[in-house]
PDB file of N, CA and C in Angstrom:
ATOM      1  N   MET A   1      86.028-163.421  55.770  1.00  0.00           N
ATOM      2  CA  MET A   1      85.679-162.895  57.087  1.00  0.00           C
ATOM      3  C   MET A   1      84.809-161.648  56.963  1.00  0.00           C
ATOM      4  N   LYS A   2      85.119-160.811  55.979  1.00  0.00           N
ATOM      5  CA  LYS A   2      84.369-159.572  55.828  1.00  0.00           C
ATOM      6  C   LYS A   2      82.918-159.848  55.434  1.00  0.00           C
ATOM      7  N   ARG A   3      82.697-160.874  54.612  1.00  0.00           N
ATOM      8  CA  ARG A   3      81.342-161.217  54.189  1.00  0.00           C
ATOM      9  C   ARG A   3      80.495-161.656  55.386  1.00  0.00           C
ATOM     10  N   LYS A   4      81.089-162.394  56.314  1.00  0.00           N
ATOM     11  CA  LYS A   4      80.357-162.813  57.511  1.00  0.00           C
ATOM     12  C   LYS A   4      79.935-161.604  58.332  1.00  0.00           C
ATOM     13  N   ASN A   5      80.789-160.587  58.403  1.00  0.00           N
ATOM     14  CA  ASN A   5      80.439-159.378  59.142  1.00  0.00           C
ATOM     15  C   ASN A   5      79.253-158.678  58.501  1.00  0.00           C
ATOM     16  N   LYS A   6      79.222-158.602  57.161  1.00  0.00           N
ATOM     17  CA  LYS A   6      78.104-157.965  56.466  1.00  0.00           C
ATOM     18  C   LYS A   6      76.810-158.721  56.723  1.00  0.00           C
ATOM     19  N   ILE A   7      76.889-160.037  56.661  1.00  0.00           N
ATOM     20  CA  ILE A   7      75.699-160.853  56.907  1.00  0.00           C
ATOM     21  C   ILE A   7      75.215-160.657  58.336  1.00  0.00           C
ATOM     22  N   PHE A   8      76.133-160.592  59.293  1.00  0.00           N
ATOM     23  CA  PHE A   8      75.733-160.389  60.682  1.00  0.00           C
ATOM     24  C   PHE A   8      75.112-159.008  60.876  1.00  0.00           C
ATOM     25  N   GLU A   9      75.611-157.985  60.177  1.00  0.00           N
ATOM     26  CA  GLU A   9      75.003-156.654  60.268  1.00  0.00           C
ATOM     27  C   GLU A   9      73.594-156.660  59.687  1.00  0.00           C
ATOM     28  N   ILE A  10      73.388-157.381  58.595  1.00  0.00           N
ATOM     29  CA  ILE A  10      72.045-157.498  58.024  1.00  0.00           C
ATOM     30  C   ILE A  10      71.120-158.190  59.014  1.00  0.00           C
ATOM     31  N   ILE A  11      71.612-159.227  59.672  1.00  0.00           N
ATOM     32  CA  ILE A  11      70.821-159.925  60.686  1.00  0.00           C
ATOM     33  C   ILE A  11      70.467-158.978  61.828  1.00  0.00           C
ATOM     34  N   GLN A  12      71.391-158.101  62.212  1.00  0.00           N
ATOM     35  CA  GLN A  12      71.102-157.127  63.267  1.00  0.00           C
ATOM     36  C   GLN A  12      69.936-156.226  62.869  1.00  0.00           C
ATOM     37  N   PHE A  13      69.927-155.746  61.635  1.00  0.00           N
ATOM     38  CA  PHE A  13      68.840-154.881  61.183  1.00  0.00           C
ATOM     39  C   PHE A  13      67.524-155.646  61.070  1.00  0.00           C
ATOM     40  N   ILE A  14      67.589-156.903  60.681  1.00  0.00           N
ATOM     41  CA  ILE A  14      66.377-157.723  60.642  1.00  0.00           C
ATOM     42  C   ILE A  14      65.815-157.886  62.046  1.00  0.00           C
ATOM     43  N   ILE A  15      66.684-158.086  63.029  1.00  0.00           N
ATOM     44  CA  ILE A  15      66.238-158.189  64.425  1.00  0.00           C
ATOM     45  C   ILE A  15      65.556-156.897  64.859  1.00  0.00           C
ATOM     46  N   LEU A  16      66.129-155.748  64.498  1.00  0.00           N
ATOM     47  CA  LEU A  16      65.518-154.463  64.848  1.00  0.00           C
ATOM     48  C   LEU A  16      64.143-154.322  64.206  1.00  0.00           C
ATOM     49  N   ILE A  17      64.041-154.615  62.921  1.00  0.00           N
ATOM     50  CA  ILE A  17      62.766-154.485  62.212  1.00  0.00           C
ATOM     51  C   ILE A  17      61.719-155.425  62.794  1.00  0.00           C
ATOM     52  N   LEU A  18      62.097-156.660  63.058  1.00  0.00           N
ATOM     53  CA  LEU A  18      61.150-157.617  63.636  1.00  0.00           C
ATOM     54  C   LEU A  18      60.707-157.198  65.033  1.00  0.00           C
ATOM     55  N   GLY A  19      61.644-156.719  65.842  1.00  0.00           N
ATOM     56  CA  GLY A  19      61.301-156.284  67.197  1.00  0.00           C
ATOM     57  C   GLY A  19      60.349-155.100  67.208  1.00  0.00           C
ATOM     58  N   LEU A  20      60.627-154.100  66.373  1.00  0.00           N
ATOM     59  CA  LEU A  20      59.745-152.932  66.316  1.00  0.00           C
ATOM     60  C   LEU A  20      58.401-153.281  65.681  1.00  0.00           C
ATOM     61  N   SER A  21      58.400-154.187  64.715  1.00  0.00           N
ATOM     62  CA  SER A  21      57.134-154.631  64.115  1.00  0.00           C
ATOM     63  C   SER A  21      56.290-155.383  65.135  1.00  0.00           C
ATOM     64  N   PHE A  22      56.934-156.231  65.919  1.00  0.00           N
ATOM     65  CA  PHE A  22      56.231-156.964  66.969  1.00  0.00           C
ATOM     66  C   PHE A  22      55.621-155.992  67.980  1.00  0.00           C
ATOM     67  N   ALA A  23      56.385-154.971  68.366  1.00  0.00           N
ATOM     68  CA  ALA A  23      55.869-153.962  69.299  1.00  0.00           C
ATOM     69  C   ALA A  23      54.688-153.215  68.687  1.00  0.00           C
ATOM     70  N   ALA A  24      54.756-152.907  67.392  1.00  0.00           N
ATOM     71  CA  ALA A  24      53.659-152.201  66.727  1.00  0.00           C
ATOM     72  C   ALA A  24      52.395-153.055  66.679  1.00  0.00           C
ATOM     73  N   ILE A  25      52.548-154.345  66.430  1.00  0.00           N
ATOM     74  CA  ILE A  25      51.384-155.239  66.396  1.00  0.00           C
ATOM     75  C   ILE A  25      50.754-155.343  67.776  1.00  0.00           C
ATOM     76  N   ILE A  26      51.569-155.504  68.797  1.00  0.00           N
ATOM     77  CA  ILE A  26      51.035-155.560  70.166  1.00  0.00           C
ATOM     78  C   ILE A  26      50.357-154.237  70.518  1.00  0.00           C
ATOM     79  N   PHE A  27      50.967-153.123  70.120  1.00  0.00           N
ATOM     80  CA  PHE A  27      50.396-151.802  70.386  1.00  0.00           C
ATOM     81  C   PHE A  27      49.004-151.686  69.764  1.00  0.00           C
ATOM     82  N   GLN A  28      48.851-152.137  68.526  1.00  0.00           N
ATOM     83  CA  GLN A  28      47.566-152.039  67.834  1.00  0.00           C
ATOM     84  C   GLN A  28      46.490-152.903  68.483  1.00  0.00           C
ATOM     85  N   ASN A  29      46.882-153.980  69.109  1.00  0.00           N
ATOM     86  CA  ASN A  29      45.920-154.897  69.714  1.00  0.00           C
ATOM     87  C   ASN A  29      45.696-154.644  71.197  1.00  0.00           C
ATOM     88  N   THR A  30      46.191-153.537  71.705  1.00  0.00           N
ATOM     89  CA  THR A  30      46.034-153.184  73.114  1.00  0.00           C
ATOM     90  C   THR A  30      45.159-151.945  73.213  1.00  0.00           C
ATOM     91  N   GLN A  31      44.239-151.942  74.159  1.00  0.00           N
ATOM     92  CA  GLN A  31      43.294-150.836  74.279  1.00  0.00           C
ATOM     93  C   GLN A  31      43.660-149.827  75.366  1.00  0.00           C
ATOM     94  N   LEU A  32      44.186-150.285  76.482  1.00  0.00           N
ATOM     95  CA  LEU A  32      44.467-149.389  77.596  1.00  0.00           C
ATOM     96  C   LEU A  32      45.668-148.495  77.300  1.00  0.00           C
ATOM     97  N   SER A  33      45.517-147.209  77.611  1.00  0.00           N
ATOM     98  CA  SER A  33      46.585-146.251  77.334  1.00  0.00           C
ATOM     99  C   SER A  33      47.861-146.568  78.101  1.00  0.00           C
ATOM    100  N   ILE A  34      47.733-146.985  79.350  1.00  0.00           N
ATOM    101  CA  ILE A  34      48.926-147.255  80.146  1.00  0.00           C
ATOM    102  C   ILE A  34      49.689-148.456  79.585  1.00  0.00           C
ATOM    103  N   ASN A  35      48.959-149.459  79.091  1.00  0.00           N
ATOM    104  CA  ASN A  35      49.627-150.611  78.479  1.00  0.00           C
ATOM    105  C   ASN A  35      50.314-150.215  77.178  1.00  0.00           C
ATOM    106  N   ARG A  36      49.661-149.355  76.406  1.00  0.00           N
ATOM    107  CA  ARG A  36      50.283-148.863  75.174  1.00  0.00           C
ATOM    108  C   ARG A  36      51.554-148.076  75.495  1.00  0.00           C
ATOM    109  N   PHE A  37      51.483-147.268  76.543  1.00  0.00           N
ATOM    110  CA  PHE A  37      52.653-146.493  76.948  1.00  0.00           C
ATOM    111  C   PHE A  37      53.799-147.414  77.370  1.00  0.00           C
ATOM    112  N   LEU A  38      53.481-148.472  78.101  1.00  0.00           N
ATOM    113  CA  LEU A  38      54.512-149.426  78.525  1.00  0.00           C
ATOM    114  C   LEU A  38      55.141-150.146  77.331  1.00  0.00           C
ATOM    115  N   ILE A  39      54.331-150.481  76.338  1.00  0.00           N
ATOM    116  CA  ILE A  39      54.853-151.125  75.129  1.00  0.00           C
ATOM    117  C   ILE A  39      55.828-150.197  74.424  1.00  0.00           C
ATOM    118  N   ILE A  40      55.460-148.929  74.289  1.00  0.00           N
ATOM    119  CA  ILE A  40      56.341-147.961  73.629  1.00  0.00           C
ATOM    120  C   ILE A  40      57.613-147.750  74.442  1.00  0.00           C
ATOM    121  N   THR A  41      57.484-147.688  75.760  1.00  0.00           N
ATOM    122  CA  THR A  41      58.657-147.502  76.615  1.00  0.00           C
ATOM    123  C   THR A  41      59.626-148.679  76.488  1.00  0.00           C
ATOM    124  N   VAL A  42      59.104-149.888  76.527  1.00  0.00           N
ATOM    125  CA  VAL A  42      59.959-151.073  76.384  1.00  0.00           C
ATOM    126  C   VAL A  42      60.607-151.094  75.000  1.00  0.00           C
ATOM    127  N   ALA A  43      59.842-150.757  73.965  1.00  0.00           N
ATOM    128  CA  ALA A  43      60.399-150.727  72.607  1.00  0.00           C
ATOM    129  C   ALA A  43      61.500-149.678  72.494  1.00  0.00           C
ATOM    130  N   ALA A  44      61.314-148.527  73.133  1.00  0.00           N
ATOM    131  CA  ALA A  44      62.331-147.472  73.090  1.00  0.00           C
ATOM    132  C   ALA A  44      63.601-147.906  73.820  1.00  0.00           C
ATOM    133  N   ILE A  45      63.443-148.576  74.950  1.00  0.00           N
ATOM    134  CA  ILE A  45      64.613-149.068  75.686  1.00  0.00           C
ATOM    135  C   ILE A  45      65.347-150.133  74.873  1.00  0.00           C
ATOM    136  N   LEU A  46      64.596-151.015  74.232  1.00  0.00           N
ATOM    137  CA  LEU A  46      65.221-152.030  73.385  1.00  0.00           C
ATOM    138  C   LEU A  46      65.903-151.397  72.172  1.00  0.00           C
ATOM    139  N   TYR A  47      65.352-150.292  71.667  1.00  0.00           N
ATOM    140  CA  TYR A  47      65.974-149.558  70.559  1.00  0.00           C
ATOM    141  C   TYR A  47      67.339-149.014  70.984  1.00  0.00           C
ATOM    142  N   VAL A  48      67.415-148.460  72.184  1.00  0.00           N
ATOM    143  CA  VAL A  48      68.699-147.957  72.692  1.00  0.00           C
ATOM    144  C   VAL A  48      69.678-149.117  72.872  1.00  0.00           C
ATOM    145  N   ALA A  49      69.198-150.224  73.428  1.00  0.00           N
ATOM    146  CA  ALA A  49      70.069-151.392  73.619  1.00  0.00           C
ATOM    147  C   ALA A  49      70.556-151.923  72.271  1.00  0.00           C
ATOM    148  N   TRP A  50      69.655-151.975  71.285  1.00  0.00           N
ATOM    149  CA  TRP A  50      70.054-152.435  69.955  1.00  0.00           C
ATOM    150  C   TRP A  50      71.099-151.494  69.356  1.00  0.00           C
ATOM    151  N   GLY A  51      70.900-150.188  69.503  1.00  0.00           N
ATOM    152  CA  GLY A  51      71.859-149.223  68.972  1.00  0.00           C
ATOM    153  C   GLY A  51      73.229-149.376  69.603  1.00  0.00           C
ATOM    154  N   CYS A  52      73.258-149.593  70.911  1.00  0.00           N
ATOM    155  CA  CYS A  52      74.543-149.828  71.597  1.00  0.00           C
ATOM    156  C   CYS A  52      75.205-151.096  71.082  1.00  0.00           C
ATOM    157  N   TRP A  53      74.430-152.157  70.967  1.00  0.00           N
ATOM    158  CA  TRP A  53      74.960-153.429  70.485  1.00  0.00           C
ATOM    159  C   TRP A  53      75.502-153.294  69.060  1.00  0.00           C
ATOM    160  N   HIS A  54      74.716-152.664  68.186  1.00  0.00           N
ATOM    161  CA  HIS A  54      75.111-152.527  66.787  1.00  0.00           C
ATOM    162  C   HIS A  54      76.392-151.704  66.649  1.00  0.00           C
ATOM    163  N   HIS A  55      76.450-150.575  67.318  1.00  0.00           N
ATOM    164  CA  HIS A  55      77.628-149.717  67.189  1.00  0.00           C
ATOM    165  C   HIS A  55      78.835-150.285  67.936  1.00  0.00           C
ATOM    166  N   TRP A  56      78.607-151.039  68.998  1.00  0.00           N
ATOM    167  CA  TRP A  56      79.718-151.725  69.658  1.00  0.00           C
ATOM    168  C   TRP A  56      80.302-152.782  68.722  1.00  0.00           C
ATOM    169  N   TYR A  57      79.413-153.502  68.040  1.00  0.00           N
ATOM    170  CA  TYR A  57      79.867-154.543  67.118  1.00  0.00           C
ATOM    171  C   TYR A  57      80.678-153.952  65.965  1.00  0.00           C
ATOM    172  N   THR A  58      80.267-152.796  65.453  1.00  0.00           N
ATOM    173  CA  THR A  58      80.984-152.163  64.342  1.00  0.00           C
ATOM    174  C   THR A  58      82.124-151.283  64.835  1.00  0.00           C
ATOM    175  N   GLU A  59      82.352-151.292  66.146  1.00  0.00           N
ATOM    176  CA  GLU A  59      83.437-150.534  66.787  1.00  0.00           C
ATOM    177  C   GLU A  59      83.330-149.027  66.549  1.00  0.00           C
ATOM    178  N   ARG A  60      82.096-148.522  66.556  1.00  0.00           N
ATOM    179  CA  ARG A  60      81.875-147.088  66.403  1.00  0.00           C
ATOM    180  C   ARG A  60      81.108-146.494  67.583  1.00  0.00           C
ATOM    181  N   LEU A  61      80.987-147.236  68.657  1.00  0.00           N
ATOM    182  CA  LEU A  61      80.219-146.751  69.799  1.00  0.00           C
ATOM    183  C   LEU A  61      81.016-145.696  70.553  1.00  0.00           C
ATOM    184  N   ASP A  62      80.398-144.530  70.731  1.00  0.00           N
ATOM    185  CA  ASP A  62      80.978-143.493  71.576  1.00  0.00           C
ATOM    186  C   ASP A  62      79.844-142.795  72.318  1.00  0.00           C
ATOM    187  N   LYS A  63      80.195-141.830  73.150  1.00  0.00           N
ATOM    188  CA  LYS A  63      79.184-141.198  74.002  1.00  0.00           C
ATOM    189  C   LYS A  63      78.161-140.416  73.195  1.00  0.00           C
ATOM    190  N   TRP A  64      78.535-139.906  72.027  1.00  0.00           N
ATOM    191  CA  TRP A  64      77.594-139.109  71.231  1.00  0.00           C
ATOM    192  C   TRP A  64      76.546-139.995  70.558  1.00  0.00           C
ATOM    193  N   ILE A  65      76.955-141.152  70.114  1.00  0.00           N
ATOM    194  CA  ILE A  65      75.994-142.092  69.528  1.00  0.00           C
ATOM    195  C   ILE A  65      75.038-142.586  70.602  1.00  0.00           C
ATOM    196  N   LEU A  66      75.568-142.902  71.776  1.00  0.00           N
ATOM    197  CA  LEU A  66      74.720-143.322  72.887  1.00  0.00           C
ATOM    198  C   LEU A  66      73.750-142.210  73.278  1.00  0.00           C
ATOM    199  N   THR A  67      74.234-140.973  73.294  1.00  0.00           N
ATOM    200  CA  THR A  67      73.375-139.828  73.606  1.00  0.00           C
ATOM    201  C   THR A  67      72.278-139.676  72.562  1.00  0.00           C
ATOM    202  N   GLU A  68      72.629-139.831  71.296  1.00  0.00           N
ATOM    203  CA  GLU A  68      71.639-139.696  70.226  1.00  0.00           C
ATOM    204  C   GLU A  68      70.532-140.741  70.351  1.00  0.00           C
ATOM    205  N   TYR A  69      70.897-141.998  70.525  1.00  0.00           N
ATOM    206  CA  TYR A  69      69.897-143.056  70.675  1.00  0.00           C
ATOM    207  C   TYR A  69      69.027-142.810  71.911  1.00  0.00           C
ATOM    208  N   SER A  70      69.639-142.373  72.997  1.00  0.00           N
ATOM    209  CA  SER A  70      68.885-142.117  74.232  1.00  0.00           C
ATOM    210  C   SER A  70      67.915-140.957  74.062  1.00  0.00           C
ATOM    211  N   LEU A  71      68.344-139.894  73.395  1.00  0.00           N
ATOM    212  CA  LEU A  71      67.462-138.741  73.195  1.00  0.00           C
ATOM    213  C   LEU A  71      66.310-139.065  72.251  1.00  0.00           C
ATOM    214  N   VAL A  72      66.566-139.850  71.221  1.00  0.00           N
ATOM    215  CA  VAL A  72      65.481-140.262  70.324  1.00  0.00           C
ATOM    216  C   VAL A  72      64.466-141.102  71.097  1.00  0.00           C
ATOM    217  N   ALA A  73      64.946-142.031  71.907  1.00  0.00           N
ATOM    218  CA  ALA A  73      64.047-142.864  72.707  1.00  0.00           C
ATOM    219  C   ALA A  73      63.262-142.019  73.705  1.00  0.00           C
ATOM    220  N   LEU A  74      63.927-141.066  74.333  1.00  0.00           N
ATOM    221  CA  LEU A  74      63.250-140.188  75.285  1.00  0.00           C
ATOM    222  C   LEU A  74      62.179-139.350  74.597  1.00  0.00           C
ATOM    223  N   LEU A  75      62.474-138.857  73.403  1.00  0.00           N
ATOM    224  CA  LEU A  75      61.495-138.078  72.642  1.00  0.00           C
ATOM    225  C   LEU A  75      60.285-138.935  72.278  1.00  0.00           C
ATOM    226  N   VAL A  76      60.515-140.156  71.861  1.00  0.00           N
ATOM    227  CA  VAL A  76      59.411-141.062  71.528  1.00  0.00           C
ATOM    228  C   VAL A  76      58.560-141.337  72.760  1.00  0.00           C
ATOM    229  N   ILE A  77      59.194-141.567  73.893  1.00  0.00           N
ATOM    230  CA  ILE A  77      58.453-141.828  75.132  1.00  0.00           C
ATOM    231  C   ILE A  77      57.641-140.602  75.535  1.00  0.00           C
ATOM    232  N   LEU A  78      58.244-139.426  75.461  1.00  0.00           N
ATOM    233  CA  LEU A  78      57.534-138.197  75.823  1.00  0.00           C
ATOM    234  C   LEU A  78      56.353-137.940  74.896  1.00  0.00           C
ATOM    235  N   LEU A  79      56.557-138.072  73.599  1.00  0.00           N
ATOM    236  CA  LEU A  79      55.465-137.836  72.651  1.00  0.00           C
ATOM    237  C   LEU A  79      54.355-138.866  72.800  1.00  0.00           C
ATOM    238  N   SER A  80      54.708-140.099  73.102  1.00  0.00           N
ATOM    239  CA  SER A  80      53.668-141.102  73.317  1.00  0.00           C
ATOM    240  C   SER A  80      52.890-140.814  74.596  1.00  0.00           C
ATOM    241  N   ALA A  81      53.574-140.343  75.627  1.00  0.00           N
ATOM    242  CA  ALA A  81      52.880-139.991  76.872  1.00  0.00           C
ATOM    243  C   ALA A  81      51.913-138.837  76.636  1.00  0.00           C
ATOM    244  N   LEU A  82      52.320-137.876  75.834  1.00  0.00           N
ATOM    245  CA  LEU A  82      51.421-136.765  75.513  1.00  0.00           C
ATOM    246  C   LEU A  82      50.266-137.230  74.627  1.00  0.00           C
ATOM    247  N   GLY A  83      50.569-138.035  73.617  1.00  0.00           N
ATOM    248  CA  GLY A  83      49.539-138.509  72.697  1.00  0.00           C
ATOM    249  C   GLY A  83      48.534-139.427  73.356  1.00  0.00           C
ATOM    250  N   LEU A  84      48.973-140.225  74.300  1.00  0.00           N
ATOM    251  CA  LEU A  84      48.080-141.139  75.009  1.00  0.00           C
ATOM    252  C   LEU A  84      47.460-140.490  76.239  1.00  0.00           C
ATOM    253  N   GLU A  85      47.764-139.225  76.435  1.00  0.00           N
ATOM    254  CA  GLU A  85      47.265-138.427  77.561  1.00  0.00           C
ATOM    255  C   GLU A  85      47.654-139.027  78.911  1.00  0.00           C
ATOM    256  N   ILE A  86      48.852-139.595  78.979  1.00  0.00           N
ATOM    257  CA  ILE A  86      49.401-140.056  80.253  1.00  0.00           C
ATOM    258  C   ILE A  86      49.822-138.834  81.065  1.00  0.00           C
ATOM    259  N   ILE A  87      50.412-137.861  80.375  1.00  0.00           N
ATOM    260  CA  ILE A  87      50.728-136.569  80.989  1.00  0.00           C
ATOM    261  C   ILE A  87      50.049-135.479  80.168  1.00  0.00           C
ATOM    262  N   ARG A  88      49.749-134.374  80.820  1.00  0.00           N
ATOM    263  CA  ARG A  88      49.090-133.255  80.143  1.00  0.00           C
ATOM    264  C   ARG A  88      49.748-131.957  80.562  1.00  0.00           C
ATOM    265  N   PHE A  89      49.821-131.038  79.611  1.00  0.00           N
ATOM    266  CA  PHE A  89      50.328-129.717  79.932  1.00  0.00           C
ATOM    267  C   PHE A  89      49.202-128.762  80.283  1.00  0.00           C
ATOM    268  N   PHE A  90      48.030-129.005  79.721  1.00  0.00           N
ATOM    269  CA  PHE A  90      46.895-128.097  79.971  1.00  0.00           C
ATOM    270  C   PHE A  90      45.687-128.870  80.414  1.00  0.00           C
TER     271      PHE A  90
END
C-alpha cells in the first residue's frame, strides 16, 4: 500500500511539471501582454489548487500551507503584471 502512495505522489509532481511546462510553452507563443498575464494567472491558480490537492492527499494541509501557496501565487501574478506593464507604479 505504501508503494502505491509513493507512485501516486510522483504522478502528482509529474502533473505539476507538465502543467507548468504547458503554461510556459503557451506563454512563449503568445504575443499580447494581457493574454500572457491571463496565462500566468491561470497557472498560478492551478498551482494553488495543486498544492491544496497534494497536501490534502498527504494529510498535511493546514491554513499556513494554504497561505504560503496563495502568497507565492499572488507574488507571481503581481510580478508578472509589473513585468508585462499591466500595472505601473511610475
